[in-house]
């Protein structure tokens, strides 16, 4: 493999806020369903314009701690989005994403493999999840 090129297992993934903006996608709208009721009210009361950093901080420090934040009832791609939010949108490998999904959604081995996650995320044009 040439210098600088990573394998899917080595690549690190994050929510690309610039990609979302360029593609006329609203990070606030996408992440709103990830917020717990308490944080929705708090962020709405604090300001009419909520920054992505404030949303990410709320999810990371509060919302992601709730039992139902990531569960089998949450759509799979939304679960990946929530894993990244819960991690403060710091880049994660697909192995790390898969481990988090297994812990929170239950052991569904075929849906948490690097190969499966690569296929799902390589075709993402909704959440702005990109390899760095």
Foldseek 3Di string as FASTA:
>chain_A
DDPPDDDLQPWWKFQDPVLCVVLVHDLCVLCVVLADPVLNVVQVVVDVDDDPQSSLVRLQPPSVPDLVSQELVDDPVSNLNSVCSNVSRDIDRLLVSLVVNCVRHNDPPVCSDSVNVCVVVVPDPHRRMDTD
